[in-house]
C-alpha atoms as a PDB file:
ATOM      1  CA  UNK A   1      49.390-110.541  33.879  1.00  0.00           C
ATOM      2  CA  UNK A   2      50.185-110.309  30.181  1.00  0.00           C
ATOM      3  CA  UNK A   3      47.713-109.106  27.565  1.00  0.00           C
ATOM      4  CA  UNK A   4      48.008-109.190  23.783  1.00  0.00           C
ATOM      5  CA  UNK A   5      46.604-106.229  21.893  1.00  0.00           C
ATOM      6  CA  UNK A   6      45.706-107.479  18.409  1.00  0.00           C
ATOM      7  CA  UNK A   7      45.118-104.445  16.217  1.00  0.00           C
ATOM      8  CA  UNK A   8      43.905-104.524  12.614  1.00  0.00           C
ATOM      9  CA  UNK A   9      44.378-101.443  10.440  1.00  0.00           C
ATOM     10  CA  UNK A  10      41.537 -99.990   8.403  1.00  0.00           C
ATOM     11  CA  UNK A  11      41.844-100.699   4.695  1.00  0.00           C
ATOM     12  CA  UNK A  12      43.766 -98.006   2.839  1.00  0.00           C
ATOM     13  CA  UNK A  13      45.140 -96.409   6.017  1.00  0.00           C
ATOM     14  CA  UNK A  14      48.871 -96.887   5.398  1.00  0.00           C
ATOM     15  CA  UNK A  15      49.548 -93.145   5.121  1.00  0.00           C
ATOM     16  CA  UNK A  16      47.739 -92.510   8.413  1.00  0.00           C
ATOM     17  CA  UNK A  17      49.963 -95.179  10.014  1.00  0.00           C
ATOM     18  CA  UNK A  18      53.099 -93.567   8.583  1.00  0.00           C
ATOM     19  CA  UNK A  19      52.041 -90.077   9.656  1.00  0.00           C
ATOM     20  CA  UNK A  20      51.231 -91.210  13.206  1.00  0.00           C
ATOM     21  CA  UNK A  21      54.220 -93.543  13.646  1.00  0.00           C
ATOM     22  CA  UNK A  22      56.539 -91.104  15.509  1.00  0.00           C
ATOM     23  CA  UNK A  23      53.897 -90.496  18.205  1.00  0.00           C
ATOM     24  CA  UNK A  24      53.106 -94.214  18.381  1.00  0.00           C
ATOM     25  CA  UNK A  25      56.793 -95.086  18.861  1.00  0.00           C
ATOM     26  CA  UNK A  26      57.182 -92.432  21.571  1.00  0.00           C
ATOM     27  CA  UNK A  27      54.149 -93.926  23.342  1.00  0.00           C
ATOM     28  CA  UNK A  28      55.645 -97.422  23.195  1.00  0.00           C
ATOM     29  CA  UNK A  29      59.029 -96.134  24.366  1.00  0.00           C
ATOM     30  CA  UNK A  30      57.330 -94.674  27.450  1.00  0.00           C
ATOM     31  CA  UNK A  31      55.526 -97.968  28.149  1.00  0.00           C
ATOM     32  CA  UNK A  32      58.822 -99.795  27.737  1.00  0.00           C
ATOM     33  CA  UNK A  33      60.658 -97.459  30.124  1.00  0.00           C
ATOM     34  CA  UNK A  34      57.956 -98.139  32.741  1.00  0.00           C
ATOM     35  CA  UNK A  35      58.279-101.927  32.321  1.00  0.00           C
ATOM     36  CA  UNK A  36      54.787-102.317  30.853  1.00  0.00           C
ATOM     37  CA  UNK A  37      55.683-103.135  27.245  1.00  0.00           C
ATOM     38  CA  UNK A  38      56.930-106.658  26.581  1.00  0.00           C
ATOM     39  CA  UNK A  39      56.695-107.079  22.780  1.00  0.00           C
ATOM     40  CA  UNK A  40      55.522-104.887  19.916  1.00  0.00           C
ATOM     41  CA  UNK A  41      55.599-104.859  16.150  1.00  0.00           C
ATOM     42  CA  UNK A  42      53.485-104.681  13.019  1.00  0.00           C
ATOM     43  CA  UNK A  43      51.664-107.419  11.177  1.00  0.00           C
ATOM     44  CA  UNK A  44      52.681-107.412   7.504  1.00  0.00           C
ATOM     45  CA  UNK A  45      50.616-108.020   4.389  1.00  0.00           C
ATOM     46  CA  UNK A  46      51.761-110.037   1.383  1.00  0.00           C
ATOM     47  CA  UNK A  47      53.340-106.862  -0.001  1.00  0.00           C
ATOM     48  CA  UNK A  48      55.440-106.476   3.176  1.00  0.00           C
ATOM     49  CA  UNK A  49      53.580-103.348   4.294  1.00  0.00           C
ATOM     50  CA  UNK A  50      52.033-103.025   7.779  1.00  0.00           C
ATOM     51  CA  UNK A  51      48.428-104.133   8.187  1.00  0.00           C
ATOM     52  CA  UNK A  52      48.081-104.011  11.966  1.00  0.00           C
ATOM     53  CA  UNK A  53      49.962-104.335  15.226  1.00  0.00           C
ATOM     54  CA  UNK A  54      50.716-106.842  17.957  1.00  0.00           C
ATOM     55  CA  UNK A  55      51.496-105.283  21.322  1.00  0.00           C
ATOM     56  CA  UNK A  56      51.974-107.344  24.468  1.00  0.00           C
ATOM     57  CA  UNK A  57      51.755-105.504  27.774  1.00  0.00           C
ATOM     58  CA  UNK A  58      51.990-106.442  31.431  1.00  0.00           C
ATOM     59  CA  UNK A  59      49.187-105.010  33.567  1.00  0.00           C
ATOM     60  CA  UNK A  60      47.154-106.029  36.583  1.00  0.00           C
ATOM     61  CA  UNK A  61      43.798-106.094  34.793  1.00  0.00           C
ATOM     62  CA  UNK A  62      42.307-106.347  31.325  1.00  0.00           C
ATOM     63  CA  UNK A  63      40.775-102.917  31.901  1.00  0.00           C
ATOM     64  CA  UNK A  64      44.264-101.429  32.233  1.00  0.00           C
ATOM     65  CA  UNK A  65      45.350-103.192  29.039  1.00  0.00           C
ATOM     66  CA  UNK A  66      42.287-101.848  27.218  1.00  0.00           C
ATOM     67  CA  UNK A  67      43.080 -98.330  28.448  1.00  0.00           C
ATOM     68  CA  UNK A  68      46.625 -98.683  27.072  1.00  0.00           C
ATOM     69  CA  UNK A  69      45.199 -99.776  23.711  1.00  0.00           C
ATOM     70  CA  UNK A  70      42.770 -96.842  23.634  1.00  0.00           C
ATOM     71  CA  UNK A  71      45.514 -94.320  24.510  1.00  0.00           C
ATOM     72  CA  UNK A  72      47.796 -95.454  21.678  1.00  0.00           C
ATOM     73  CA  UNK A  73      48.232 -92.624  19.154  1.00  0.00           C
ATOM     74  CA  UNK A  74      47.341 -95.059  16.357  1.00  0.00           C
ATOM     75  CA  UNK A  75      43.997 -95.761  18.043  1.00  0.00           C
ATOM     76  CA  UNK A  76      43.378 -92.077  18.736  1.00  0.00           C
ATOM     77  CA  UNK A  77      44.062 -91.272  15.066  1.00  0.00           C
ATOM     78  CA  UNK A  78      41.456 -93.823  13.975  1.00  0.00           C
ATOM     79  CA  UNK A  79      43.926 -96.211  12.311  1.00  0.00           C
ATOM     80  CA  UNK A  80      42.401 -99.428  13.602  1.00  0.00           C
ATOM     81  CA  UNK A  81      39.331-101.175  12.247  1.00  0.00           C
ATOM     82  CA  UNK A  82      39.426-103.592  15.170  1.00  0.00           C
ATOM     83  CA  UNK A  83      41.320-104.092  18.434  1.00  0.00           C
ATOM     84  CA  UNK A  84      41.111-107.286  20.472  1.00  0.00           C
ATOM     85  CA  UNK A  85      42.585-107.518  23.971  1.00  0.00           C
ATOM     86  CA  UNK A  86      43.272-111.046  25.160  1.00  0.00           C
ATOM     87  CA  UNK A  87      45.005-112.522  28.199  1.00  0.00           C
ATOM     88  CA  UNK A  88      48.307-114.072  27.118  1.00  0.00           C
ATOM     89  CA  UNK A  89      50.558-116.739  28.631  1.00  0.00           C
ATOM     90  CA  UNK A  90      54.175-116.450  27.428  1.00  0.00           C
ATOM     91  CA  UNK A  91      55.428-120.052  27.715  1.00  0.00           C
ATOM     92  CA  UNK A  92      58.500-120.393  25.474  1.00  0.00           C
ATOM     93  CA  UNK A  93      61.485-118.016  25.371  1.00  0.00           C
ATOM     94  CA  UNK A  94      60.077-115.749  28.060  1.00  0.00           C
ATOM     95  CA  UNK A  95      63.098-113.870  29.425  1.00  0.00           C
ATOM     96  CA  UNK A  96      61.357-113.420  32.781  1.00  0.00           C
ATOM     97  CA  UNK A  97      60.612-117.139  33.266  1.00  0.00           C
END
């Protein structure tokens, strides 16, 4: 099952995001290599700077998806003000469909 991790950065936390980015990317690369990661990228503010993240993962349960969200280096560093985990149905342009 697919789950969307909708992550909103804390206000004024851009430097924390930048400092933590290498560890975050390594984490996503590992998820990708294991076939768990489907889509990932930042949300952008009007100024073009990151304000959060969208990560879509494939797991058996929402609990597993939540554990992935909690283990993200961005989350561990305290970057996010809010993280929502929602079941997701990829209808259009799904390469696995």
